[in-house]
């Protein structure tokens, strides 16, 4: 047998196998509608089926598009309402079509879009490895629009909704104004839009690992109905774009709800998190740093943050990170407070690494105010660590370190606010001046004894009245106070006296103040250069 005969024989046996993938059973959209809404079967299962659109006028239904022009009123193919009304199949008194049978689509192909409007699904709806190869009207204007749409509009799910799609075509799932009990969505190439829907927070899973996929979740309500100890991973997305805006997340349990978003573009804006939440913002599946936008979010409970990198085009602000009141995930919420947490050196380093990443980002983008706030936050954590180390193993060196840390915060906010040091220095000068006021100096025109005599003349009634003695007393007091301030200023700035122009204990106080002034002015100089070199 020659080589050509062998090839022909192999091809003969392989043809039925190769043809099997395209040998799909064909079912019309009208038959599908009758099966869904007019059948008494408890379960409907479709495998390797191609659905062709034979609905009147292709089952066109008008809708408000939210894909690329939100104000556009367009139409979608594959709607069943007009066909059902023509067959006398009416919705219930509440306006919903009741779908009581479970529905399972697997490896099916839909010639057109598929739309369910005002339907109540009493049993699971499952779509696994389905395909919408024909371009959807709702996708017009989107680059590389290759596929169709699945639309769930104003529907209610009292059981599970499962959507597992690995189609080679770009598809457009739309979930609008729906109520879900259990949702699991695994996306391939898709442009997913979810708007004004409500979900059970403990039964919501959304996953995708495709760099052409984008996900938008807008104006939705997530309420936890389960009190399980372990929180779900709400999203696990390695996608091109992820937008989560205007949503409300509520969970009154202690569990942590996780958003895993290794995406190239991440937008988390105008959300209210009344739940413990963990945000994993990274580009683990991509070669470049993610662009992150956090704007006007409210975190009422614990915020756990995991960052690996931040693109310079990102928009971050300490206020958007709960005023930097965030933690890392280390057997729960870790924010370097309390002796038990601070004792964990490895967790402390990871926590400070996250702060350093934010500090470097703010500094690289020229946001001096935010970088200063982040640096102060880091140094406060370092101060708690130094205090803990001194309490555990007291020594003069450790005592000096944690006291110096405290001084640096109060004097210049760890070198980030030189102007604050001027105010503190002024208070120091005035405090020492008040002390020097009660001691004589070589600069005094009159002695303190004469000042006390002027005070006595003022309080004793005489033929000169009170005005003249008061003015004389005020002049003497002013001169003495001015000399005390000059003496304090001279000592603080360590300009030098030649001979200290005071007597008694005030001479020793001058030396102490000189040392304090030298020390504080050195810190001021370093802080000033640090901010000037930014």
Protein backbone atom coordinates (compact mmCIF):
# COMPACT_ATOMS: atom_id res chain seq x y z
CA UNK A 1 0.00 0.00 0.00
CA UNK A 2 1.55 3.27 -1.05
CA UNK A 3 1.70 6.47 0.98
CA UNK A 4 -1.16 8.11 -0.94
CA UNK A 5 -3.49 5.21 -0.20
CA UNK A 6 -2.68 5.44 3.53
CA UNK A 7 -3.50 9.16 3.57
CA UNK A 8 -6.83 8.56 1.80
CA UNK A 9 -7.73 5.81 4.26
CA UNK A 10 -6.89 7.98 7.28
CA UNK A 11 -8.93 10.85 5.85
CA UNK A 12 -11.86 8.49 5.24
CA UNK A 13 -11.98 7.49 8.92
CA UNK A 14 -11.41 11.04 10.20
CA UNK A 15 -14.08 12.74 8.12
CA UNK A 16 -17.01 11.72 10.38
CA UNK A 17 -15.07 12.92 13.42
CA UNK A 18 -14.14 16.22 11.83
CA UNK A 19 -17.66 16.76 10.58
CA UNK A 20 -19.17 16.07 13.97
CA UNK A 21 -18.05 19.48 15.31
CA UNK A 22 -20.05 21.26 12.60
CA UNK A 23 -22.95 18.80 12.54
CA UNK A 24 -25.03 20.87 14.97
CA UNK A 25 -28.70 20.23 15.57
CA UNK A 26 -30.74 23.23 14.40
CA UNK A 27 -33.53 24.74 16.47
CA UNK A 28 -35.45 27.91 15.63
CA UNK A 29 -35.81 30.86 17.99
CA UNK A 30 -39.60 30.46 17.84
CA UNK A 31 -39.35 26.84 18.94
CA UNK A 32 -36.98 27.86 21.71
CA UNK A 33 -39.52 30.45 22.87
CA UNK A 34 -42.28 27.83 22.97
CA UNK A 35 -40.03 25.43 24.86
CA UNK A 36 -39.13 28.08 27.42
CA UNK A 37 -42.49 29.71 27.97
CA UNK A 38 -45.05 27.13 26.83
CA UNK A 39 -43.53 23.80 27.83
CA UNK A 40 -44.35 21.84 30.96
CA UNK A 41 -41.01 20.04 30.99
CA UNK A 42 -39.10 20.42 34.24
CA UNK A 43 -35.72 20.60 32.49
CA UNK A 44 -34.62 21.80 29.06
CA UNK A 45 -31.18 20.76 27.88
CA UNK A 46 -29.56 21.83 24.62
CA UNK A 47 -26.16 20.52 23.54
CA UNK A 48 -24.35 21.01 20.24
CA UNK A 49 -27.28 23.04 18.96
CA UNK A 50 -27.46 25.95 16.54
CA UNK A 51 -30.35 28.35 17.05
CA UNK A 52 -31.45 30.27 13.95
CA UNK A 53 -33.60 33.36 14.09
CA UNK A 54 -37.02 32.92 12.49
CA UNK A 55 -38.84 35.42 14.68
CA UNK A 56 -41.01 38.06 12.97
CA UNK A 57 -38.86 41.10 12.17
CA UNK A 58 -35.93 39.16 13.70
CA UNK A 59 -37.43 39.71 17.14
CA UNK A 60 -36.30 43.33 17.24
CA UNK A 61 -36.86 45.14 20.54
CA UNK A 62 -35.92 48.67 21.41
CA UNK A 63 -33.60 49.42 24.27
CA UNK A 64 -31.36 52.15 25.68
CA UNK A 65 -27.79 51.27 24.71
CA UNK A 66 -25.04 51.54 27.29
CA UNK A 67 -22.19 50.21 25.17
CA UNK A 68 -20.64 53.19 23.43
CA UNK A 69 -23.30 55.90 23.19
CA UNK A 70 -25.44 55.79 26.37
CA UNK A 71 -27.93 58.26 24.95
CA UNK A 72 -28.57 56.16 21.82
CA UNK A 73 -31.89 54.36 21.50
CA UNK A 74 -31.35 51.31 19.30
CA UNK A 75 -32.73 47.84 18.86
CA UNK A 76 -31.63 44.33 19.62
CA UNK A 77 -32.46 41.17 17.74
CA UNK A 78 -33.61 37.96 19.37
CA UNK A 79 -36.37 39.24 21.66
CA UNK A 80 -39.30 36.92 22.34
CA UNK A 81 -42.00 39.30 23.60
CA UNK A 82 -43.73 40.09 20.29
CA UNK A 83 -43.74 36.43 19.25
CA UNK A 84 -45.17 35.29 22.58
CA UNK A 85 -47.95 37.87 22.42
CA UNK A 86 -48.81 36.71 18.89
CA UNK A 87 -49.20 33.17 20.27
CA UNK A 88 -51.40 34.34 23.11
CA UNK A 89 -48.75 33.71 25.75
CA UNK A 90 -49.15 36.58 28.22
CA UNK A 91 -47.11 37.59 31.26
CA UNK A 92 -48.52 37.26 34.76
CA UNK A 93 -50.36 39.96 36.62
CA UNK A 94 -47.06 41.27 37.91
CA UNK A 95 -45.79 41.70 34.33
CA UNK A 96 -43.30 38.81 34.52
CA UNK A 97 -43.06 35.73 32.35
CA UNK A 98 -42.54 32.78 34.69
CA UNK A 99 -39.90 30.27 33.54
CA UNK A 100 -40.29 27.24 35.78
CA UNK A 101 -38.04 24.75 33.99
CA UNK A 102 -34.27 24.59 34.37
CA UNK A 103 -32.42 25.57 31.19
CA UNK A 104 -29.03 24.26 30.15
CA UNK A 105 -27.19 25.40 27.00
CA UNK A 106 -23.84 23.76 26.25
CA UNK A 107 -21.66 24.21 23.16
CA UNK A 108 -24.49 26.02 21.42
CA UNK A 109 -24.40 28.70 18.76
CA UNK A 110 -26.92 31.55 18.49
CA UNK A 111 -27.39 33.15 15.09
CA UNK A 112 -28.55 36.41 16.67
CA UNK A 113 -28.64 38.10 20.01
CA UNK A 114 -30.68 36.55 22.79
CA UNK A 115 -32.82 38.74 25.02
CA UNK A 116 -34.93 37.94 28.06
CA UNK A 117 -37.13 40.78 29.32
CA UNK A 118 -39.32 40.70 32.45
CA UNK A 119 -38.74 37.01 33.05
CA UNK A 120 -38.77 35.24 36.40
CA UNK A 121 -36.51 32.17 36.43
CA UNK A 122 -37.60 29.74 39.12
CA UNK A 123 -34.89 27.20 38.17
CA UNK A 124 -31.24 27.55 37.07
CA UNK A 125 -30.27 29.15 33.77
CA UNK A 126 -26.92 27.81 32.53
CA UNK A 127 -24.98 28.82 29.42
CA UNK A 128 -21.71 26.92 28.97
CA UNK A 129 -19.32 27.43 26.08
CA UNK A 130 -21.91 29.23 23.97
CA UNK A 131 -21.17 31.43 20.97
CA UNK A 132 -22.76 34.50 19.38
CA UNK A 133 -20.84 34.85 16.12
CA UNK A 134 -23.00 37.52 14.48
CA UNK A 135 -22.19 41.13 15.33
CA UNK A 136 -24.64 42.69 17.77
CA UNK A 137 -26.31 46.02 17.14
CA UNK A 138 -25.43 46.91 20.72
CA UNK A 139 -21.74 46.46 19.90
CA UNK A 140 -21.64 48.83 16.92
CA UNK A 141 -18.88 51.35 17.46
CA UNK A 142 -16.78 49.07 19.63
CA UNK A 143 -13.44 48.26 18.09
CA UNK A 144 -13.13 44.73 16.74
CA UNK A 145 -16.83 43.99 17.26
CA UNK A 146 -17.06 40.34 16.27
CA UNK A 147 -19.95 38.85 18.18
CA UNK A 148 -23.43 39.14 19.56
CA UNK A 149 -25.08 39.83 22.84
CA UNK A 150 -26.89 38.08 25.65
CA UNK A 151 -29.26 40.52 27.30
CA UNK A 152 -31.02 39.99 30.61
CA UNK A 153 -33.26 42.98 31.15
CA UNK A 154 -35.48 43.49 34.21
CA UNK A 155 -35.41 39.80 35.12
CA UNK A 156 -35.57 38.02 38.44
CA UNK A 157 -33.54 34.92 39.26
CA UNK A 158 -34.69 32.81 42.18
CA UNK A 159 -32.06 30.19 41.41
CA UNK A 160 -28.58 30.11 39.88
CA UNK A 161 -27.39 31.97 36.80
CA UNK A 162 -24.30 30.34 35.29
CA UNK A 163 -22.48 31.86 32.32
CA UNK A 164 -19.27 30.11 31.25
CA UNK A 165 -18.11 31.38 27.90
CA UNK A 166 -14.77 30.74 26.16
CA UNK A 167 -15.90 31.82 22.71
CA UNK A 168 -13.33 32.87 20.13
CA UNK A 169 -15.67 35.70 19.17
CA UNK A 170 -16.08 38.89 21.14
CA UNK A 171 -19.48 38.71 22.85
CA UNK A 172 -21.51 41.32 24.73
CA UNK A 173 -23.32 40.10 27.85
CA UNK A 174 -25.70 42.72 29.28
CA UNK A 175 -27.31 42.47 32.71
CA UNK A 176 -29.64 45.35 33.47
CA UNK A 177 -32.14 45.94 36.26
CA UNK A 178 -32.06 42.28 37.29
CA UNK A 179 -32.20 40.58 40.67
CA UNK A 180 -29.95 37.58 41.27
CA UNK A 181 -29.60 34.99 43.99
CA UNK A 182 -26.54 33.12 42.75
CA UNK A 183 -24.25 34.27 39.92
CA UNK A 184 -21.16 32.65 38.45
CA UNK A 185 -19.69 34.17 35.31
CA UNK A 186 -16.49 33.00 33.61
CA UNK A 187 -15.72 35.19 30.62
CA UNK A 188 -13.54 34.73 27.56
CA UNK A 189 -13.47 37.56 25.03
CA UNK A 190 -16.32 39.72 26.25
CA UNK A 191 -17.54 43.24 26.86
CA UNK A 192 -19.66 42.81 29.98
CA UNK A 193 -22.00 45.57 31.17
CA UNK A 194 -23.89 45.22 34.44
CA UNK A 195 -26.15 48.06 35.53
CA UNK A 196 -28.76 48.60 38.24
CA UNK A 197 -28.76 44.97 39.34
CA UNK A 198 -28.95 43.50 42.82
CA UNK A 199 -26.86 40.55 43.99
CA UNK A 200 -26.35 38.36 46.99
CA UNK A 201 -22.82 39.36 47.98
CA UNK A 202 -22.05 35.91 49.35
CA UNK A 203 -23.05 34.21 46.05
CA UNK A 204 -21.46 36.39 43.38
CA UNK A 205 -18.41 35.23 41.41
CA UNK A 206 -17.02 36.92 38.33
CA UNK A 207 -13.84 35.67 36.67
CA UNK A 208 -11.96 36.37 33.47
CA UNK A 209 -8.40 35.91 32.24
CA UNK A 210 -8.45 37.46 28.80
CA UNK A 211 -6.66 40.66 27.85
CA UNK A 212 -9.40 41.70 25.37
CA UNK A 213 -12.17 41.58 27.94
CA UNK A 214 -13.62 44.65 29.63
CA UNK A 215 -16.05 44.71 32.55
CA UNK A 216 -18.27 47.57 33.74
CA UNK A 217 -20.43 47.26 36.86
CA UNK A 218 -22.47 50.40 37.52
CA UNK A 219 -25.13 51.40 40.06
CA UNK A 220 -25.59 47.92 41.53
CA UNK A 221 -26.49 46.78 45.01
CA UNK A 222 -24.59 43.95 46.73
CA UNK A 223 -26.16 42.68 49.95
CA UNK A 224 -24.74 39.79 51.97
CA UNK A 225 -27.43 37.26 52.87
CA UNK A 226 -25.07 34.65 54.28
CA UNK A 227 -22.90 34.89 57.38
CA UNK A 228 -20.26 32.38 56.37
CA UNK A 229 -16.91 32.95 58.05
CA UNK A 230 -15.04 33.07 54.74
CA UNK A 231 -15.80 35.87 52.35
CA UNK A 232 -16.07 35.26 48.61
CA UNK A 233 -13.80 36.51 45.89
CA UNK A 234 -16.22 38.89 44.19
CA UNK A 235 -14.03 39.38 41.14
CA UNK A 236 -10.93 37.71 39.81
CA UNK A 237 -10.21 39.60 36.64
CA UNK A 238 -7.19 39.72 34.39
CA UNK A 239 -8.81 41.99 31.83
CA UNK A 240 -8.06 45.03 29.74
CA UNK A 241 -10.49 47.30 31.61
CA UNK A 242 -12.43 47.00 34.86
CA UNK A 243 -14.86 49.68 36.00
CA UNK A 244 -16.76 49.47 39.29
CA UNK A 245 -18.75 52.67 39.84
CA UNK A 246 -21.68 53.98 41.89
CA UNK A 247 -22.22 50.67 43.65
CA UNK A 248 -23.19 49.83 47.22
CA UNK A 249 -21.65 46.87 49.02
CA UNK A 250 -23.11 45.94 52.41
CA UNK A 251 -21.97 43.09 54.65
CA UNK A 252 -22.45 43.31 58.41
CA UNK A 253 -20.45 40.17 59.14
CA UNK A 254 -16.73 40.19 59.96
CA UNK A 255 -15.62 38.39 56.82
CA UNK A 256 -13.50 40.01 54.12
CA UNK A 257 -14.88 40.41 50.60
CA UNK A 258 -12.21 40.34 47.92
CA UNK A 259 -11.81 42.18 44.62
CA UNK A 260 -8.94 40.67 42.65
CA UNK A 261 -8.29 43.09 39.79
CA UNK A 262 -5.01 42.43 37.96
CA UNK A 263 -6.13 44.67 35.09
CA UNK A 264 -4.44 47.21 32.86
CA UNK A 265 -7.08 49.87 33.63
CA UNK A 266 -8.90 49.88 36.97
CA UNK A 267 -11.63 52.38 37.81
CA UNK A 268 -13.17 52.25 41.31
CA UNK A 269 -15.23 55.39 41.80
CA UNK A 270 -18.19 56.69 43.82
CA UNK A 271 -18.78 53.40 45.63
CA UNK A 272 -19.95 52.89 49.20
CA UNK A 273 -18.34 49.96 50.96
CA UNK A 274 -20.24 49.11 54.13
CA UNK A 275 -18.23 45.90 54.35
CA UNK A 276 -14.74 44.65 55.05
CA UNK A 277 -13.13 44.74 51.64
CA UNK A 278 -9.82 43.67 50.14
CA UNK A 279 -8.66 45.35 46.94
CA UNK A 280 -5.97 43.53 44.97
CA UNK A 281 -4.86 46.09 42.39
CA UNK A 282 -2.04 44.87 40.19
CA UNK A 283 -0.95 43.90 36.69
CA UNK A 284 0.13 40.35 37.50
CA UNK A 285 -0.88 39.06 34.07
CA UNK A 286 0.48 42.00 32.09
CA UNK A 287 3.91 43.44 31.39
CA UNK A 288 3.10 47.07 32.18
CA UNK A 289 1.94 48.87 35.30
CA UNK A 290 -1.82 49.28 35.83
CA UNK A 291 -3.59 52.61 35.58
CA UNK A 292 -5.68 52.93 38.75
CA UNK A 293 -8.40 55.51 39.39
CA UNK A 294 -9.83 55.76 42.90
CA UNK A 295 -12.30 58.60 43.32
CA UNK A 296 -14.98 59.49 45.90
CA UNK A 297 -15.25 56.05 47.51
CA UNK A 298 -16.52 55.62 51.07
CA UNK A 299 -14.99 52.82 53.15
CA UNK A 300 -17.03 52.47 56.33
CA UNK A 301 -15.24 49.35 57.55
CA UNK A 302 -11.83 47.77 57.11
CA UNK A 303 -9.95 48.36 53.87
CA UNK A 304 -7.22 45.87 52.93
CA UNK A 305 -4.98 46.97 50.10
CA UNK A 306 -2.58 44.92 48.00
CA UNK A 307 -0.46 46.84 45.52
CA UNK A 308 2.40 45.60 43.38
CA UNK A 309 2.86 48.56 41.07
CA UNK A 310 1.12 51.80 40.08
CA UNK A 311 1.16 53.38 36.62
CA UNK A 312 2.10 57.06 36.54
CA UNK A 313 -1.20 57.88 34.78
CA UNK A 314 -3.13 56.69 37.85
CA UNK A 315 -5.29 59.00 39.96
CA UNK A 316 -4.85 58.37 43.68
CA UNK A 317 -5.29 60.49 46.75
CA UNK A 318 -4.75 59.62 50.43
CA UNK A 319 -8.40 60.54 51.08
CA UNK A 320 -9.47 57.94 48.53
CA UNK A 321 -7.53 55.35 50.52
CA UNK A 322 -9.60 56.02 53.64
CA UNK A 323 -7.14 58.76 54.65
CA UNK A 324 -4.40 56.09 54.57
CA UNK A 325 -6.31 54.13 57.21
CA UNK A 326 -5.82 50.84 55.39
CA UNK A 327 -4.15 47.54 56.15
CA UNK A 328 -2.71 44.50 54.45
CA UNK A 329 -3.99 40.93 54.48
CA UNK A 330 -2.00 38.96 57.05
CA UNK A 331 -4.26 36.44 58.72
CA UNK A 332 -6.88 39.14 58.63
CA UNK A 333 -6.55 42.91 58.87
CA UNK A 334 -3.02 44.14 59.64
CA UNK A 335 -2.21 47.85 60.07
CA UNK A 336 0.83 47.77 62.42
CA UNK A 337 -1.08 48.65 65.60
CA UNK A 338 -0.90 46.79 68.87
CA UNK A 339 1.99 44.79 70.27
CA UNK A 340 0.89 41.51 68.66
CA UNK A 341 0.93 42.99 65.14
CA UNK A 342 4.12 45.03 65.59
CA UNK A 343 5.94 41.98 66.88
CA UNK A 344 5.39 40.34 63.48
CA UNK A 345 8.38 41.81 61.66
CA UNK A 346 7.65 40.21 58.29
CA UNK A 347 4.10 41.58 58.15
CA UNK A 348 5.40 44.98 59.29
CA UNK A 349 7.89 45.10 56.39
CA UNK A 350 5.17 44.23 53.85
CA UNK A 351 2.91 46.90 55.34
CA UNK A 352 5.67 49.51 55.07
CA UNK A 353 6.45 48.35 51.54
CA UNK A 354 2.89 49.19 50.50
CA UNK A 355 3.24 52.64 52.06
CA UNK A 356 6.58 53.14 50.30
CA UNK A 357 5.00 52.23 46.96
CA UNK A 358 2.37 54.93 47.46
CA UNK A 359 5.02 57.42 48.62
CA UNK A 360 7.14 56.80 45.49
CA UNK A 361 4.08 57.17 43.26
CA UNK A 362 3.05 60.51 44.76
CA UNK A 363 6.61 61.78 44.64
CA UNK A 364 7.06 60.68 41.00
CA UNK A 365 3.87 62.47 39.95
CA UNK A 366 4.85 65.69 41.77
CA UNK A 367 2.14 65.45 44.44
CA UNK A 368 4.18 66.86 47.34
CA UNK A 369 1.24 67.07 49.77
CA UNK A 370 0.21 63.43 49.30
CA UNK A 371 3.79 62.15 49.45
CA UNK A 372 4.30 64.05 52.72
CA UNK A 373 1.12 62.57 54.21
CA UNK A 374 2.20 59.08 53.21
CA UNK A 375 5.68 59.60 54.68
CA UNK A 376 4.20 60.81 57.97
CA UNK A 377 1.95 57.74 58.03
CA UNK A 378 5.00 55.49 57.52
CA UNK A 379 6.99 57.22 60.26
CA UNK A 380 4.10 56.95 62.73
CA UNK A 381 4.13 53.20 62.21
CA UNK A 382 7.91 53.24 62.69
CA UNK A 383 7.40 55.19 65.91
CA UNK A 384 5.01 52.54 67.23
CA UNK A 385 7.64 49.92 66.41
CA UNK A 386 10.40 51.85 68.24
CA UNK A 387 8.17 52.28 71.30
CA UNK A 388 7.43 48.55 71.33
CA UNK A 389 11.14 47.67 71.05
CA UNK A 390 12.00 49.95 73.99
CA UNK A 391 9.24 48.47 76.15
CA UNK A 392 10.41 44.94 75.37
CA UNK A 393 14.13 45.62 75.94
CA UNK A 394 14.74 49.00 77.62
CA UNK A 395 18.04 50.79 76.98
CA UNK A 396 19.15 54.40 76.67
CA UNK A 397 19.73 54.01 72.93
CA UNK A 398 16.21 52.63 72.29
CA UNK A 399 14.73 55.29 74.58
CA UNK A 400 16.50 58.03 72.63
CA UNK A 401 15.32 56.60 69.30
CA UNK A 402 11.63 56.52 70.12
CA UNK A 403 11.75 59.92 71.87
CA UNK A 404 13.54 61.40 68.88
CA UNK A 405 10.86 59.93 66.60
CA UNK A 406 8.18 61.65 68.68
CA UNK A 407 10.10 64.95 68.64
CA UNK A 408 10.51 64.85 64.88
CA UNK A 409 6.76 64.40 64.44
CA UNK A 410 5.79 67.31 66.69
CA UNK A 411 8.54 69.64 65.43
CA UNK A 412 8.48 69.19 61.63
CA UNK A 413 6.09 66.27 61.02
CA UNK A 414 9.12 64.11 60.21
CA UNK A 415 10.73 66.77 58.07
CA UNK A 416 7.72 67.37 55.83
CA UNK A 417 6.61 70.74 57.30
CA UNK A 418 9.49 73.21 57.99
CA UNK A 419 6.99 76.02 58.64
CA UNK A 420 5.67 74.10 61.64
CA UNK A 421 9.16 74.18 63.20
CA UNK A 422 9.13 78.00 63.08
CA UNK A 423 5.95 78.10 65.16
CA UNK A 424 7.29 75.55 67.65
CA UNK A 425 10.59 77.46 67.93
CA UNK A 426 8.68 80.67 68.66
CA UNK A 427 6.86 78.95 71.53
CA UNK A 428 10.19 77.72 72.90
CA UNK A 429 11.71 81.22 72.75
CA UNK A 430 8.70 82.78 74.51
CA UNK A 431 8.68 80.08 77.20
CA UNK A 432 12.34 80.68 78.08
CA UNK A 433 11.83 84.48 77.86
CA UNK A 434 9.12 84.26 80.51
CA UNK A 435 11.62 82.45 82.74
CA UNK A 436 14.37 85.07 82.11
CA UNK A 437 11.92 87.89 82.90
CA UNK A 438 12.27 87.19 86.62
CA UNK A 439 16.09 87.38 86.58
CA UNK A 440 18.25 90.49 86.23
CA UNK A 441 20.56 90.89 83.23
CA UNK A 442 23.30 93.28 82.08
CA UNK A 443 20.87 94.75 79.53
CA UNK A 444 18.38 95.98 82.13
CA UNK A 445 18.20 99.75 82.38
CA UNK A 446 16.62 99.45 85.79
CA UNK A 447 16.67 96.66 88.31
CA UNK A 448 13.82 94.29 88.96
CA UNK A 449 13.56 95.88 92.41
CA UNK A 450 12.70 99.20 90.75
CA UNK A 451 10.02 97.47 88.65
CA UNK A 452 8.44 96.03 91.79
CA UNK A 453 8.56 99.50 93.40
CA UNK A 454 6.72 100.94 90.38
CA UNK A 455 4.05 98.25 90.81
CA UNK A 456 3.68 99.16 94.49
CA UNK A 457 3.34 102.87 93.62
CA UNK A 458 0.61 101.95 91.14
CA UNK A 459 -1.54 100.02 93.59
CA UNK A 460 -1.15 102.69 96.36
CA UNK A 461 -3.34 105.76 96.01
CA UNK A 462 -1.36 109.05 95.94
CA UNK A 463 -1.66 112.60 94.72
CA UNK A 464 -0.45 111.59 91.23
CA UNK A 465 -3.45 109.32 90.67
CA UNK A 466 -3.21 105.97 88.78
CA UNK A 467 -2.48 106.98 85.18
CA UNK A 468 1.10 108.14 85.52
CA UNK A 469 2.27 105.24 87.78
CA UNK A 470 0.54 102.79 85.40
CA UNK A 471 2.34 104.18 82.36
CA UNK A 472 5.64 104.07 84.23
CA UNK A 473 4.96 100.47 85.28
CA UNK A 474 3.94 99.49 81.73
CA UNK A 475 7.12 100.99 80.30
CA UNK A 476 9.32 99.15 82.78
CA UNK A 477 7.47 95.88 82.17
CA UNK A 478 7.79 96.25 78.39
CA UNK A 479 11.52 96.97 78.54
CA UNK A 480 12.14 94.00 80.85
CA UNK A 481 10.05 91.65 78.70
CA UNK A 482 11.77 92.82 75.52
CA UNK A 483 15.19 92.24 77.07
CA UNK A 484 14.09 88.76 78.20
CA UNK A 485 12.92 87.89 74.67
CA UNK A 486 16.20 89.15 73.15
CA UNK A 487 18.15 87.12 75.68
CA UNK A 488 16.09 84.02 74.85
CA UNK A 489 16.43 84.57 71.10
CA UNK A 490 20.17 85.06 71.46
CA UNK A 491 20.52 81.85 73.44
CA UNK A 492 18.26 79.85 71.11
CA UNK A 493 20.14 80.86 67.96
CA UNK A 494 23.49 80.32 69.73
CA UNK A 495 24.86 83.62 68.37
CA UNK A 496 27.21 83.83 71.35
CA UNK A 497 27.49 86.31 74.22
CA UNK A 498 31.19 86.53 75.07
CA UNK A 499 29.83 86.61 78.60
CA UNK A 500 26.33 85.44 79.48
CA UNK A 501 24.48 88.68 80.43
CA UNK A 502 22.49 87.26 83.35
CA UNK A 503 23.06 85.85 86.79
CA UNK A 504 22.00 82.99 88.98
CA UNK A 505 20.31 79.89 87.66
CA UNK A 506 19.40 81.79 84.48
CA UNK A 507 23.04 81.46 83.31
CA UNK A 508 22.76 77.65 83.29
CA UNK A 509 19.37 77.76 81.65
CA UNK A 510 20.92 79.84 78.84
CA UNK A 511 23.41 77.06 78.15
CA UNK A 512 20.63 74.45 78.05
CA UNK A 513 18.54 76.60 75.73
CA UNK A 514 21.56 77.08 73.46
CA UNK A 515 21.88 73.32 73.05
CA UNK A 516 18.15 72.97 72.37
CA UNK A 517 18.25 75.78 69.82
CA UNK A 518 21.25 74.28 68.00
CA UNK A 519 19.52 70.89 67.85
CA UNK A 520 16.15 72.20 66.65
CA UNK A 521 17.66 74.56 64.08
CA UNK A 522 19.67 71.68 62.64
CA UNK A 523 16.47 69.68 62.21
CA UNK A 524 14.82 72.70 60.61
CA UNK A 525 17.67 73.05 58.11
CA UNK A 526 17.48 69.39 57.10
CA UNK A 527 13.67 69.57 56.71
CA UNK A 528 13.95 72.74 54.62
CA UNK A 529 16.48 71.18 52.25
CA UNK A 530 14.39 68.00 52.04
CA UNK A 531 11.35 69.93 50.78
CA UNK A 532 13.38 72.29 48.58
CA UNK A 533 15.01 69.37 46.73
CA UNK A 534 11.64 67.80 45.84
